[in-house]
Amino acid sequence: MHKSTFMFLSWLILSAVTLQSQAVFAGDPVANLRADVANGQTIYNEGKGDATACQGCHGEKALGMDAMAAPRLANVGQRYVIKQLIDYAAGKRTDAGAGAAMNDIAKALNEQDRRDVAAYLDLFENEMESSDLKSLAADGGKVGNPKNGKIIMTKGIKHLVPACQDCHGLSGHAPNIPAIHQQKYVYLVNQLNSYRNGSRANDQIVYKVGIMRGIAKKLTDENIADIAAYLSTVPSLKP
């Protein structure tokens, strides 16, 4: 990628962060609505109607499970969780494997239920539970190099990919940008691959450009494995 193209991509990303931040103060439908955390807790632990209990895949503490390719949900960001549930319910996002169940689960929850679950997930203690990379490798999985992943996360790939932490930071800089440290390895690899091949297309679009799809297309299999290895084991995104 030419330097000018790289600079344009970086500008687009910063624009996305700015626009999303402004949305919080410009009629964000979530900002001023109250959530019933007790209802969210009940749904997470017991389910509701046709929506099965979230903890069955995501774990009692919402830390995710590599064996289920299920992501960490605790502390990733309330607005981000709400957006994903809305997108699942509308069919704008579909996942493979066990994640395919999310469409029917999200449809079974009403608008308030989604806010309640998201609010409950934000109240979890910021507990760390890293992916077991040695175990994944022993089971025959491809595991990346966390040291190389750290370089991409904090510095990017010169003239090709900006640093991921510029947007994601430690806890997400904008409403729909999630915190990704301590996210599960298998989930991260799957989602970056999905962005790269276009099967996931519900990322933020700025000037007709899908930010995550544009970035993922520039990543190799090795890059993706390295990023996931770093993020799934690092306690924070601080260099």
Protein backbone atom coordinates (compact mmCIF):
# COMPACT_ATOMS: atom_id res chain seq x y z
CA MET A 1 0.00 0.00 0.00
CA HIS A 2 1.31 3.45 -0.90
CA LYS A 3 1.93 5.79 2.00
CA SER A 4 -0.84 8.15 0.81
CA THR A 5 -3.36 5.30 0.79
CA PHE A 6 -2.25 4.24 4.25
CA MET A 7 -2.66 7.79 5.54
CA PHE A 8 -6.16 7.93 4.02
CA LEU A 9 -7.12 4.68 5.76
CA SER A 10 -5.80 6.02 9.05
CA TRP A 11 -7.83 9.20 8.56
CA LEU A 12 -10.97 7.16 7.87
CA ILE A 13 -10.50 5.24 11.10
CA LEU A 14 -10.02 8.39 13.14
CA SER A 15 -13.13 9.81 11.46
CA ALA A 16 -15.09 6.74 12.52
CA VAL A 17 -14.01 7.18 16.12
CA THR A 18 -14.94 10.87 16.06
CA LEU A 19 -18.34 10.30 14.46
CA GLN A 20 -19.26 7.54 16.89
CA SER A 21 -18.17 9.63 19.86
CA GLN A 22 -20.33 12.52 18.63
CA ALA A 23 -23.29 10.16 18.28
CA VAL A 24 -23.42 9.77 22.06
CA PHE A 25 -24.35 13.43 22.31
CA ALA A 26 -26.53 13.56 19.22
CA GLY A 27 -29.56 11.49 20.04
CA ASP A 28 -27.88 8.17 20.74
CA PRO A 29 -30.88 5.86 21.39
CA VAL A 30 -29.05 4.09 24.19
CA ALA A 31 -27.57 7.03 26.06
CA ASN A 32 -30.61 8.14 28.07
CA LEU A 33 -32.46 4.85 28.50
CA ARG A 34 -32.47 3.01 31.79
CA ALA A 35 -31.64 -0.67 32.00
CA ASP A 36 -33.02 -3.29 34.36
CA VAL A 37 -29.84 -5.06 35.40
CA ALA A 38 -31.76 -7.66 37.39
CA ASN A 39 -33.64 -8.66 34.23
CA GLY A 40 -30.35 -8.76 32.34
CA GLN A 41 -28.86 -11.05 34.98
CA THR A 42 -31.84 -13.40 34.78
CA ILE A 43 -31.66 -13.59 30.99
CA TYR A 44 -27.90 -14.19 31.07
CA ASN A 45 -28.10 -16.97 33.66
CA GLU A 46 -31.48 -18.54 32.91
CA GLY A 47 -32.56 -17.37 29.47
CA LYS A 48 -35.96 -16.04 28.49
CA GLY A 49 -38.53 -17.82 26.34
CA ASP A 50 -36.81 -19.06 23.19
CA ALA A 51 -33.58 -17.31 24.18
CA THR A 52 -31.32 -19.81 25.92
CA ALA A 53 -29.10 -18.76 28.84
CA CYS A 54 -26.04 -16.87 27.66
CA GLN A 55 -23.76 -18.46 30.24
CA GLY A 56 -24.06 -21.86 28.54
CA CYS A 57 -21.60 -20.70 25.86
CA HIS A 58 -20.03 -17.56 27.29
CA GLY A 59 -19.39 -18.85 30.80
CA GLU A 60 -20.62 -17.99 34.27
CA LYS A 61 -18.44 -14.89 34.40
CA ALA A 62 -18.92 -14.02 30.71
CA LEU A 63 -15.23 -14.60 30.00
CA GLY A 64 -15.88 -16.67 26.87
CA MET A 65 -14.83 -20.17 25.86
CA ASP A 66 -12.33 -21.13 23.18
CA ALA A 67 -13.90 -24.59 22.90
CA MET A 68 -17.17 -22.97 21.83
CA ALA A 69 -15.53 -20.18 19.83
CA ALA A 70 -17.61 -17.97 22.13
CA PRO A 71 -16.34 -14.46 22.88
CA ARG A 72 -15.76 -12.73 26.16
CA LEU A 73 -18.74 -10.46 26.82
CA ALA A 74 -17.81 -9.01 30.21
CA ASN A 75 -16.64 -5.40 29.98
CA VAL A 76 -16.46 -5.22 26.18
CA GLY A 77 -18.81 -2.25 26.05
CA GLN A 78 -22.55 -1.83 26.55
CA ARG A 79 -23.33 -0.07 23.28
CA TYR A 80 -21.25 -2.54 21.30
CA VAL A 81 -23.16 -5.50 22.77
CA ILE A 82 -26.49 -3.84 22.02
CA LYS A 83 -25.48 -3.17 18.42
CA GLN A 84 -24.41 -6.78 17.89
CA LEU A 85 -27.69 -8.10 19.29
CA ILE A 86 -29.63 -5.74 17.03
CA ASP A 87 -27.58 -6.86 14.04
CA TYR A 88 -28.04 -10.54 14.88
CA ALA A 89 -31.79 -10.06 15.22
CA ALA A 90 -31.96 -8.26 11.87
CA GLY A 91 -29.77 -10.85 10.13
CA LYS A 92 -27.04 -8.29 9.47
CA ARG A 93 -24.54 -10.52 11.23
CA THR A 94 -24.41 -14.32 11.06
CA ASP A 95 -21.72 -16.49 12.60
CA ALA A 96 -20.68 -20.05 11.81
CA GLY A 97 -20.66 -22.98 14.21
CA ALA A 98 -22.21 -22.50 17.64
CA GLY A 99 -22.43 -18.78 16.93
CA ALA A 100 -25.20 -19.44 14.40
CA ALA A 101 -27.60 -19.72 17.36
CA MET A 102 -27.17 -16.02 18.09
CA ASN A 103 -29.63 -14.93 15.40
CA ASP A 104 -32.58 -16.77 16.96
CA ILE A 105 -31.50 -15.83 20.48
CA ALA A 106 -31.32 -12.13 19.62
CA LYS A 107 -34.70 -12.27 17.87
CA ALA A 108 -36.25 -13.77 21.01
CA LEU A 109 -35.14 -10.72 23.05
CA ASN A 110 -36.98 -7.45 22.82
CA GLU A 111 -35.27 -4.07 22.65
CA GLN A 112 -35.29 -3.56 26.40
CA ASP A 113 -34.02 -7.09 27.07
CA ARG A 114 -30.97 -6.42 24.91
CA ARG A 115 -30.19 -3.24 26.82
CA ASP A 116 -30.65 -5.05 30.12
CA VAL A 117 -28.26 -7.87 29.22
CA ALA A 118 -25.68 -5.41 27.90
CA ALA A 119 -25.89 -3.34 31.10
CA TYR A 120 -25.48 -6.46 33.22
CA LEU A 121 -22.36 -7.48 31.28
CA ASP A 122 -20.80 -4.10 31.97
CA LEU A 123 -21.08 -4.68 35.73
CA PHE A 124 -18.82 -7.74 35.82
CA GLU A 125 -15.48 -7.33 37.53
CA ASN A 126 -12.70 -6.81 34.99
CA GLU A 127 -11.37 -10.31 35.57
CA MET A 128 -8.61 -11.80 33.43
CA GLU A 129 -8.77 -15.31 31.96
CA SER A 130 -6.31 -15.71 29.12
CA SER A 131 -6.72 -18.26 26.36
CA ASP A 132 -4.57 -21.36 26.90
CA LEU A 133 -2.40 -21.13 23.79
CA LYS A 134 -0.33 -24.19 24.71
CA SER A 135 -3.46 -26.31 25.00
CA LEU A 136 -4.81 -25.01 21.69
CA ALA A 137 -1.50 -25.81 19.99
CA ALA A 138 -1.41 -29.28 21.55
CA ASP A 139 -4.85 -29.92 20.09
CA GLY A 140 -3.49 -29.19 16.64
CA GLY A 141 -4.59 -25.57 16.33
CA LYS A 142 -2.48 -22.88 14.69
CA VAL A 143 -1.26 -20.48 17.35
CA GLY A 144 0.46 -17.20 16.63
CA ASN A 145 3.33 -15.35 18.27
CA PRO A 146 2.18 -12.84 20.91
CA LYS A 147 5.34 -10.75 20.51
CA ASN A 148 4.64 -10.19 16.83
CA GLY A 149 1.00 -9.50 17.63
CA LYS A 150 2.01 -6.81 20.09
CA ILE A 151 3.92 -4.98 17.37
CA ILE A 152 0.87 -4.90 15.10
CA MET A 153 -1.43 -3.90 17.96
CA THR A 154 0.74 -1.05 19.17
CA LYS A 155 2.55 0.05 16.01
CA GLY A 156 0.64 -1.45 13.09
CA ILE A 157 2.29 -2.68 9.90
CA LYS A 158 4.26 0.07 8.21
CA HIS A 159 2.41 1.70 5.29
CA LEU A 160 -0.17 -1.07 5.39
CA VAL A 161 -2.17 -1.34 8.64
CA PRO A 162 -2.52 1.25 11.42
CA ALA A 163 -2.12 0.23 15.05
CA CYS A 164 -5.28 -1.50 16.29
CA GLN A 165 -5.04 0.20 19.68
CA ASP A 166 -5.48 3.59 18.03
CA CYS A 167 -9.21 2.84 17.94
CA HIS A 168 -9.72 0.02 20.42
CA GLY A 169 -7.41 1.33 23.14
CA LEU A 170 -7.86 -0.32 26.51
CA SER A 171 -11.63 -0.06 26.83
CA GLY A 172 -12.88 1.14 23.47
CA HIS A 173 -12.70 4.79 22.40
CA ALA A 174 -16.15 5.00 20.83
CA PRO A 175 -19.59 3.49 21.51
CA ASN A 176 -19.46 0.72 18.91
CA ILE A 177 -15.75 -0.08 19.19
CA PRO A 178 -15.24 -2.91 21.68
CA ALA A 179 -12.52 -3.52 24.21
CA ILE A 180 -10.60 -6.47 22.77
CA HIS A 181 -7.89 -7.29 25.31
CA GLN A 182 -8.46 -10.69 26.93
CA GLN A 183 -10.84 -11.63 24.14
CA LYS A 184 -10.75 -15.34 23.28
CA TYR A 185 -8.19 -16.52 20.73
CA VAL A 186 -10.48 -18.71 18.59
CA TYR A 187 -13.15 -16.02 18.43
CA LEU A 188 -10.66 -13.35 17.39
CA VAL A 189 -9.21 -15.52 14.62
CA ASN A 190 -12.68 -16.40 13.36
CA GLN A 191 -13.88 -12.80 13.31
CA LEU A 192 -10.79 -11.38 11.63
CA ASN A 193 -11.10 -14.08 8.97
CA SER A 194 -14.79 -13.26 8.57
CA TYR A 195 -14.03 -9.57 8.12
CA ARG A 196 -11.31 -10.46 5.63
CA ASN A 197 -13.50 -12.68 3.45
CA GLY A 198 -16.50 -10.35 3.81
CA SER A 199 -18.81 -12.84 5.53
CA ARG A 200 -19.02 -10.39 8.44
CA ALA A 201 -19.97 -6.96 7.17
CA ASN A 202 -21.56 -5.11 10.10
CA ASP A 203 -18.48 -3.04 10.87
CA GLN A 204 -18.51 0.73 10.99
CA ILE A 205 -18.69 2.28 7.51
CA VAL A 206 -17.16 5.68 6.87
CA TYR A 207 -17.38 7.17 3.37
CA LYS A 208 -18.51 3.80 1.99
CA VAL A 209 -15.52 2.00 3.48
CA GLY A 210 -16.00 -0.82 6.02
CA ILE A 211 -13.23 -0.09 8.50
CA MET A 212 -12.59 -3.62 9.83
CA ARG A 213 -13.04 -5.25 6.42
CA GLY A 214 -10.53 -2.85 4.91
CA ILE A 215 -7.98 -3.59 7.61
CA ALA A 216 -8.50 -7.36 7.70
CA LYS A 217 -7.97 -7.67 3.96
CA LYS A 218 -4.43 -6.44 4.51
CA LEU A 219 -3.66 -9.11 7.11
CA THR A 220 -2.08 -12.49 6.41
CA ASP A 221 -3.05 -15.70 8.22
CA GLU A 222 0.09 -15.26 10.29
CA ASN A 223 -0.79 -11.65 11.17
CA ILE A 224 -4.24 -12.72 12.34
CA ALA A 225 -2.86 -15.56 14.46
CA ASP A 226 -0.26 -13.24 16.00
CA ILE A 227 -2.78 -10.50 16.85
CA ALA A 228 -5.15 -13.03 18.41
CA ALA A 229 -2.32 -14.61 20.42
CA TYR A 230 -1.34 -11.24 21.86
CA LEU A 231 -4.83 -9.99 22.61
CA SER A 232 -6.03 -13.22 24.19
CA THR A 233 -3.18 -13.26 26.71
CA VAL A 234 -2.32 -9.61 27.43
CA PRO A 235 -3.99 -8.06 30.51
CA SER A 236 -4.22 -4.63 28.82
CA LEU A 237 -3.36 -2.87 25.59
CA LYS A 238 -0.73 -0.66 27.15
CA PRO A 239 2.60 -1.00 25.27
